[in-house]
Amino acid sequence: LIDVNALETMPPEGSVAIYETACLLEHSC
């Protein structure tokens, strides 16, 4: 769950967070 969904935060620097809806944003280059 962490590897697939967590986003690096800034702030705070050095942490990651998992969000219920934001993590559903799909990837695009």
PDB file of all heavy atoms in Angstrom:
ATOM      1  N   LEU A   1       0.830  -1.208   0.000  1.00  0.00           N
ATOM      2  CA  LEU A   1       0.000   0.000   0.000  1.00  0.00           C
ATOM      3  C   LEU A   1       0.865   1.258   0.000  1.00  0.00           C
ATOM      4  O   LEU A   1       0.564   2.234  -0.689  1.00  0.00           O
ATOM      5  CB  LEU A   1      -0.918   0.008   1.227  1.00  0.00           C
ATOM      6  CG  LEU A   1      -2.087  -0.980   1.209  1.00  0.00           C
ATOM      7  CD1 LEU A   1      -2.760  -1.042   2.577  1.00  0.00           C
ATOM      8  CD2 LEU A   1      -3.113  -0.588   0.137  1.00  0.00           C
ATOM      9  N   ILE A   2       1.947   1.221   0.765  1.00  0.00           N
ATOM     10  CA  ILE A   2       2.847   2.380   0.835  1.00  0.00           C
ATOM     11  C   ILE A   2       3.576   2.575  -0.493  1.00  0.00           C
ATOM     12  O   ILE A   2       3.591   3.667  -1.058  1.00  0.00           O
ATOM     13  CB  ILE A   2       3.857   2.221   1.983  1.00  0.00           C
ATOM     14  CG1 ILE A   2       3.134   2.199   3.327  1.00  0.00           C
ATOM     15  CG2 ILE A   2       4.885   3.359   1.956  1.00  0.00           C
ATOM     16  CD1 ILE A   2       4.030   1.821   4.512  1.00  0.00           C
ATOM     17  N   ASP A   3       4.186   1.510  -1.015  1.00  0.00           N
ATOM     18  CA  ASP A   3       4.974   1.628  -2.244  1.00  0.00           C
ATOM     19  C   ASP A   3       4.127   2.080  -3.428  1.00  0.00           C
ATOM     20  O   ASP A   3       4.579   2.857  -4.270  1.00  0.00           O
ATOM     21  CB  ASP A   3       5.645   0.288  -2.577  1.00  0.00           C
ATOM     22  CG  ASP A   3       6.895   0.041  -1.755  1.00  0.00           C
ATOM     23  OD1 ASP A   3       7.421   1.016  -1.171  1.00  0.00           O
ATOM     24  OD2 ASP A   3       7.351  -1.118  -1.686  1.00  0.00           O
ATOM     25  N   VAL A   4       2.901   1.581  -3.512  1.00  0.00           N
ATOM     26  CA  VAL A   4       2.067   1.848  -4.677  1.00  0.00           C
ATOM     27  C   VAL A   4       1.350   3.187  -4.579  1.00  0.00           C
ATOM     28  O   VAL A   4       1.149   3.865  -5.592  1.00  0.00           O
ATOM     29  CB  VAL A   4       1.041   0.707  -4.874  1.00  0.00           C
ATOM     30  CG1 VAL A   4       0.070   1.028  -6.007  1.00  0.00           C
ATOM     31  CG2 VAL A   4       1.764  -0.612  -5.172  1.00  0.00           C
ATOM     32  N   ASN A   5       0.983   3.622  -3.358  1.00  0.00           N
ATOM     33  CA  ASN A   5       0.079   4.764  -3.221  1.00  0.00           C
ATOM     34  C   ASN A   5       0.650   6.010  -2.554  1.00  0.00           C
ATOM     35  O   ASN A   5       0.088   7.091  -2.702  1.00  0.00           O
ATOM     36  CB  ASN A   5      -1.164   4.339  -2.420  1.00  0.00           C
ATOM     37  CG  ASN A   5      -1.927   3.210  -3.073  1.00  0.00           C
ATOM     38  OD1 ASN A   5      -2.646   3.407  -4.034  1.00  0.00           O
ATOM     39  ND2 ASN A   5      -1.763   2.002  -2.538  1.00  0.00           N
ATOM     40  N   ALA A   6       1.744   5.885  -1.805  1.00  0.00           N
ATOM     41  CA  ALA A   6       2.228   7.022  -1.017  1.00  0.00           C
ATOM     42  C   ALA A   6       2.834   8.112  -1.893  1.00  0.00           C
ATOM     43  O   ALA A   6       3.512   7.831  -2.879  1.00  0.00           O
ATOM     44  CB  ALA A   6       3.243   6.547   0.018  1.00  0.00           C
ATOM     45  N   LEU A   7       2.575   9.355  -1.524  1.00  0.00           N
ATOM     46  CA  LEU A   7       3.129  10.527  -2.204  1.00  0.00           C
ATOM     47  C   LEU A   7       4.125  11.218  -1.283  1.00  0.00           C
ATOM     48  O   LEU A   7       3.877  11.353  -0.078  1.00  0.00           O
ATOM     49  CB  LEU A   7       2.016  11.518  -2.567  1.00  0.00           C
ATOM     50  CG  LEU A   7       0.957  11.049  -3.567  1.00  0.00           C
ATOM     51  CD1 LEU A   7      -0.144  12.098  -3.662  1.00  0.00           C
ATOM     52  CD2 LEU A   7       1.578  10.816  -4.926  1.00  0.00           C
ATOM     53  N   GLU A   8       5.259  11.667  -1.853  1.00  0.00           N
ATOM     54  CA  GLU A   8       6.219  12.437  -1.070  1.00  0.00           C
ATOM     55  C   GLU A   8       5.619  13.803  -0.751  1.00  0.00           C
ATOM     56  O   GLU A   8       5.036  14.449  -1.615  1.00  0.00           O
ATOM     57  CB  GLU A   8       7.515  12.620  -1.845  1.00  0.00           C
ATOM     58  CG  GLU A   8       8.265  11.336  -2.108  1.00  0.00           C
ATOM     59  CD  GLU A   8       9.548  11.560  -2.890  1.00  0.00           C
ATOM     60  OE1 GLU A   8       9.863  12.737  -3.160  1.00  0.00           O
ATOM     61  OE2 GLU A   8      10.218  10.577  -3.233  1.00  0.00           O
ATOM     62  N   THR A   9       5.753  14.234   0.492  1.00  0.00           N
ATOM     63  CA  THR A   9       5.181  15.520   0.911  1.00  0.00           C
ATOM     64  C   THR A   9       6.263  16.589   1.038  1.00  0.00           C
ATOM     65  O   THR A   9       7.413  16.295   1.289  1.00  0.00           O
ATOM     66  CB  THR A   9       4.473  15.380   2.264  1.00  0.00           C
ATOM     67  OG1 THR A   9       5.433  14.993   3.260  1.00  0.00           O
ATOM     68  CG2 THR A   9       3.357  14.346   2.206  1.00  0.00           C
ATOM     69  N   MET A  10       5.832  17.830   0.856  1.00  0.00           N
ATOM     70  CA  MET A  10       6.728  18.983   1.018  1.00  0.00           C
ATOM     71  C   MET A  10       5.873  20.222   1.250  1.00  0.00           C
ATOM     72  O   MET A  10       5.337  20.782   0.284  1.00  0.00           O
ATOM     73  CB  MET A  10       7.595  19.164  -0.219  1.00  0.00           C
ATOM     74  CG  MET A  10       8.420  20.466  -0.225  1.00  0.00           C
ATOM     75  SD  MET A  10       9.754  20.505   0.946  1.00  0.00           S
ATOM     76  CE  MET A  10      11.028  19.732  -0.053  1.00  0.00           C
ATOM     77  N   PRO A  11       5.644  20.631   2.501  1.00  0.00           N
ATOM     78  CA  PRO A  11       6.169  20.076   3.748  1.00  0.00           C
ATOM     79  C   PRO A  11       5.285  18.938   4.268  1.00  0.00           C
ATOM     80  O   PRO A  11       4.176  18.789   3.787  1.00  0.00           O
ATOM     81  CB  PRO A  11       6.107  21.290   4.679  1.00  0.00           C
ATOM     82  CG  PRO A  11       4.919  22.068   4.192  1.00  0.00           C
ATOM     83  CD  PRO A  11       4.886  21.877   2.719  1.00  0.00           C
ATOM     84  N   PRO A  12       5.761  18.170   5.319  1.00  0.00           N
ATOM     85  CA  PRO A  12       7.138  18.179   5.798  1.00  0.00           C
ATOM     86  C   PRO A  12       8.038  17.379   4.865  1.00  0.00           C
ATOM     87  O   PRO A  12       7.608  16.416   4.246  1.00  0.00           O
ATOM     88  CB  PRO A  12       7.031  17.511   7.173  1.00  0.00           C
ATOM     89  CG  PRO A  12       5.884  16.565   7.027  1.00  0.00           C
ATOM     90  CD  PRO A  12       4.908  17.242   6.109  1.00  0.00           C
ATOM     91  N   GLU A  13       9.281  17.776   4.781  1.00  0.00           N
ATOM     92  CA  GLU A  13      10.245  17.088   3.927  1.00  0.00           C
ATOM     93  C   GLU A  13      10.654  15.777   4.574  1.00  0.00           C
ATOM     94  O   GLU A  13      10.849  15.699   5.784  1.00  0.00           O
ATOM     95  CB  GLU A  13      11.468  17.973   3.717  1.00  0.00           C
ATOM     96  CG  GLU A  13      12.510  17.388   2.788  1.00  0.00           C
ATOM     97  CD  GLU A  13      13.709  18.293   2.624  1.00  0.00           C
ATOM     98  OE1 GLU A  13      13.704  19.395   3.197  1.00  0.00           O
ATOM     99  OE2 GLU A  13      14.657  17.891   1.934  1.00  0.00           O
ATOM    100  N   GLY A  14      10.750  14.727   3.762  1.00  0.00           N
ATOM    101  CA  GLY A  14      11.181  13.433   4.280  1.00  0.00           C
ATOM    102  C   GLY A  14      10.051  12.496   4.617  1.00  0.00           C
ATOM    103  O   GLY A  14      10.282  11.342   4.978  1.00  0.00           O
ATOM    104  N   SER A  15       8.801  12.962   4.505  1.00  0.00           N
ATOM    105  CA  SER A  15       7.648  12.127   4.808  1.00  0.00           C
ATOM    106  C   SER A  15       6.871  11.797   3.545  1.00  0.00           C
ATOM    107  O   SER A  15       7.030  12.433   2.505  1.00  0.00           O
ATOM    108  CB  SER A  15       6.728  12.834   5.815  1.00  0.00           C
ATOM    109  OG  SER A  15       7.307  12.905   7.082  1.00  0.00           O
ATOM    110  N   VAL A  16       6.027  10.766   3.646  1.00  0.00           N
ATOM    111  CA  VAL A  16       5.096  10.412   2.582  1.00  0.00           C
ATOM    112  C   VAL A  16       3.714  10.292   3.202  1.00  0.00           C
ATOM    113  O   VAL A  16       3.574  10.136   4.417  1.00  0.00           O
ATOM    114  CB  VAL A  16       5.484   9.087   1.881  1.00  0.00           C
ATOM    115  CG1 VAL A  16       6.828   9.217   1.190  1.00  0.00           C
ATOM    116  CG2 VAL A  16       5.490   7.928   2.865  1.00  0.00           C
ATOM    117  N   ALA A  17       2.684  10.371   2.354  1.00  0.00           N
ATOM    118  CA  ALA A  17       1.316  10.287   2.842  1.00  0.00           C
ATOM    119  C   ALA A  17       0.460   9.525   1.840  1.00  0.00           C
ATOM    120  O   ALA A  17       0.732   9.528   0.637  1.00  0.00           O
ATOM    121  CB  ALA A  17       0.750  11.690   3.070  1.00  0.00           C
ATOM    122  N   ILE A  18      -0.571   8.861   2.355  1.00  0.00           N
ATOM    123  CA  ILE A  18      -1.531   8.155   1.502  1.00  0.00           C
ATOM    124  C   ILE A  18      -2.875   8.860   1.619  1.00  0.00           C
ATOM    125  O   ILE A  18      -3.383   9.067   2.727  1.00  0.00           O
ATOM    126  CB  ILE A  18      -1.658   6.676   1.910  1.00  0.00           C
ATOM    127  CG1 ILE A  18      -0.305   5.969   1.814  1.00  0.00           C
ATOM    128  CG2 ILE A  18      -2.674   5.961   1.016  1.00  0.00           C
ATOM    129  CD1 ILE A  18      -0.343   4.505   2.227  1.00  0.00           C
ATOM    130  N   TYR A  19      -3.444   9.225   0.470  1.00  0.00           N
ATOM    131  CA  TYR A  19      -4.698   9.969   0.412  1.00  0.00           C
ATOM    132  C   TYR A  19      -5.786   9.112  -0.227  1.00  0.00           C
ATOM    133  O   TYR A  19      -5.527   8.369  -1.180  1.00  0.00           O
ATOM    134  CB  TYR A  19      -4.517  11.264  -0.378  1.00  0.00           C
ATOM    135  CG  TYR A  19      -3.527  12.209   0.259  1.00  0.00           C
ATOM    136  CD1 TYR A  19      -2.162  12.105  -0.019  1.00  0.00           C
ATOM    137  CD2 TYR A  19      -3.945  13.186   1.152  1.00  0.00           C
ATOM    138  CE1 TYR A  19      -1.246  12.963   0.580  1.00  0.00           C
ATOM    139  CE2 TYR A  19      -3.037  14.038   1.753  1.00  0.00           C
ATOM    140  CZ  TYR A  19      -1.692  13.928   1.462  1.00  0.00           C
ATOM    141  OH  TYR A  19      -0.790  14.768   2.061  1.00  0.00           O
ATOM    142  N   GLU A  20      -6.992   9.245   0.264  1.00  0.00           N
ATOM    143  CA  GLU A  20      -8.089   8.399  -0.195  1.00  0.00           C
ATOM    144  C   GLU A  20      -8.440   8.641  -1.658  1.00  0.00           C
ATOM    145  O   GLU A  20      -8.683   7.699  -2.411  1.00  0.00           O
ATOM    146  CB  GLU A  20      -9.326   8.627   0.676  1.00  0.00           C
ATOM    147  CG  GLU A  20     -10.495   7.723   0.337  1.00  0.00           C
ATOM    148  CD  GLU A  20     -11.624   7.824   1.342  1.00  0.00           C
ATOM    149  OE1 GLU A  20     -11.594   8.758   2.171  1.00  0.00           O
ATOM    150  OE2 GLU A  20     -12.534   6.981   1.288  1.00  0.00           O
ATOM    151  N   THR A  21      -8.457   9.906  -2.081  1.00  0.00           N
ATOM    152  CA  THR A  21      -8.878  10.234  -3.444  1.00  0.00           C
ATOM    153  C   THR A  21      -7.703  10.619  -4.329  1.00  0.00           C
ATOM    154  O   THR A  21      -7.621  10.199  -5.488  1.00  0.00           O
ATOM    155  CB  THR A  21      -9.899  11.386  -3.430  1.00  0.00           C
ATOM    156  OG1 THR A  21     -11.006  11.031  -2.582  1.00  0.00           O
ATOM    157  CG2 THR A  21     -10.431  11.655  -4.832  1.00  0.00           C
ATOM    158  N   ALA A  22      -6.759  11.413  -3.816  1.00  0.00           N
ATOM    159  CA  ALA A  22      -5.637  11.884  -4.637  1.00  0.00           C
ATOM    160  C   ALA A  22      -4.829  10.732  -5.205  1.00  0.00           C
ATOM    161  O   ALA A  22      -4.267  10.842  -6.301  1.00  0.00           O
ATOM    162  CB  ALA A  22      -4.742  12.810  -3.826  1.00  0.00           C
ATOM    163  N   CYS A  23      -4.750   9.593  -4.491  1.00  0.00           N
ATOM    164  CA  CYS A  23      -3.956   8.472  -4.988  1.00  0.00           C
ATOM    165  C   CYS A  23      -4.646   7.766  -6.151  1.00  0.00           C
ATOM    166  O   CYS A  23      -4.048   6.874  -6.767  1.00  0.00           O
ATOM    167  CB  CYS A  23      -3.654   7.483  -3.867  1.00  0.00           C
ATOM    168  SG  CYS A  23      -5.086   6.584  -3.297  1.00  0.00           S
ATOM    169  N   LEU A  24      -5.886   8.165  -6.480  1.00  0.00           N
ATOM    170  CA  LEU A  24      -6.573   7.588  -7.630  1.00  0.00           C
ATOM    171  C   LEU A  24      -6.238   8.325  -8.929  1.00  0.00           C
ATOM    172  O   LEU A  24      -6.662   7.910 -10.011  1.00  0.00           O
ATOM    173  CB  LEU A  24      -8.089   7.612  -7.417  1.00  0.00           C
ATOM    174  CG  LEU A  24      -8.607   6.835  -6.200  1.00  0.00           C
ATOM    175  CD1 LEU A  24     -10.131   6.917  -6.137  1.00  0.00           C
ATOM    176  CD2 LEU A  24      -8.159   5.388  -6.239  1.00  0.00           C
ATOM    177  N   LEU A  25      -5.480   9.429  -8.823  1.00  0.00           N
ATOM    178  CA  LEU A  25      -5.003  10.098 -10.031  1.00  0.00           C
ATOM    179  C   LEU A  25      -4.097   9.137 -10.792  1.00  0.00           C
ATOM    180  O   LEU A  25      -3.135   8.611 -10.238  1.00  0.00           O
ATOM    181  CB  LEU A  25      -4.215  11.361  -9.672  1.00  0.00           C
ATOM    182  CG  LEU A  25      -5.013  12.525  -9.085  1.00  0.00           C
ATOM    183  CD1 LEU A  25      -4.061  13.523  -8.439  1.00  0.00           C
ATOM    184  CD2 LEU A  25      -5.855  13.203 -10.156  1.00  0.00           C
ATOM    185  N   GLU A  26      -4.401   8.879 -12.056  1.00  0.00           N
ATOM    186  CA  GLU A  26      -3.595   7.937 -12.818  1.00  0.00           C
ATOM    187  C   GLU A  26      -2.306   8.593 -13.307  1.00  0.00           C
ATOM    188  O   GLU A  26      -2.192   9.818 -13.348  1.00  0.00           O
ATOM    189  CB  GLU A  26      -4.387   7.387 -13.994  1.00  0.00           C
ATOM    190  CG  GLU A  26      -4.762   8.426 -15.029  1.00  0.00           C
ATOM    191  CD  GLU A  26      -5.775   7.902 -16.021  1.00  0.00           C
ATOM    192  OE1 GLU A  26      -6.966   7.822 -15.663  1.00  0.00           O
ATOM    193  OE2 GLU A  26      -5.375   7.580 -17.150  1.00  0.00           O
ATOM    194  N   HIS A  27      -1.363   7.754 -13.698  1.00  0.00           N
ATOM    195  CA  HIS A  27      -0.087   8.273 -14.180  1.00  0.00           C
ATOM    196  C   HIS A  27      -0.165   8.682 -15.643  1.00  0.00           C
ATOM    197  O   HIS A  27      -0.780   8.018 -16.462  1.00  0.00           O
ATOM    198  CB  HIS A  27       1.014   7.221 -14.035  1.00  0.00           C
ATOM    199  CG  HIS A  27       2.264   7.567 -14.781  1.00  0.00           C
ATOM    200  ND1 HIS A  27       3.220   8.427 -14.278  1.00  0.00           N
ATOM    201  CD2 HIS A  27       2.699   7.207 -16.021  1.00  0.00           C
ATOM    202  CE1 HIS A  27       4.193   8.559 -15.159  1.00  0.00           C
ATOM    203  NE2 HIS A  27       3.899   7.840 -16.231  1.00  0.00           N
ATOM    204  N   SER A  28       0.491   9.780 -15.969  1.00  0.00           N
ATOM    205  CA  SER A  28       0.760  10.155 -17.354  1.00  0.00           C
ATOM    206  C   SER A  28       2.053  10.954 -17.362  1.00  0.00           C
ATOM    207  O   SER A  28       2.289  11.768 -16.474  1.00  0.00           O
ATOM    208  CB  SER A  28      -0.378  11.004 -17.938  1.00  0.00           C
ATOM    209  OG  SER A  28      -0.010  11.506 -19.221  1.00  0.00           O
ATOM    210  N   CYS A  29       2.896  10.722 -18.371  1.00  0.00           N
ATOM    211  CA  CYS A  29       4.139  11.486 -18.494  1.00  0.00           C
ATOM    212  C   CYS A  29       3.878  12.900 -19.001  1.00  0.00           C
ATOM    213  O   CYS A  29       4.795  13.719 -19.069  1.00  0.00           O
ATOM    214  CB  CYS A  29       5.119  10.766 -19.410  1.00  0.00           C
ATOM    215  SG  CYS A  29       5.563   9.114 -18.825  1.00  0.00           S
TER     216      CYS A  29
END
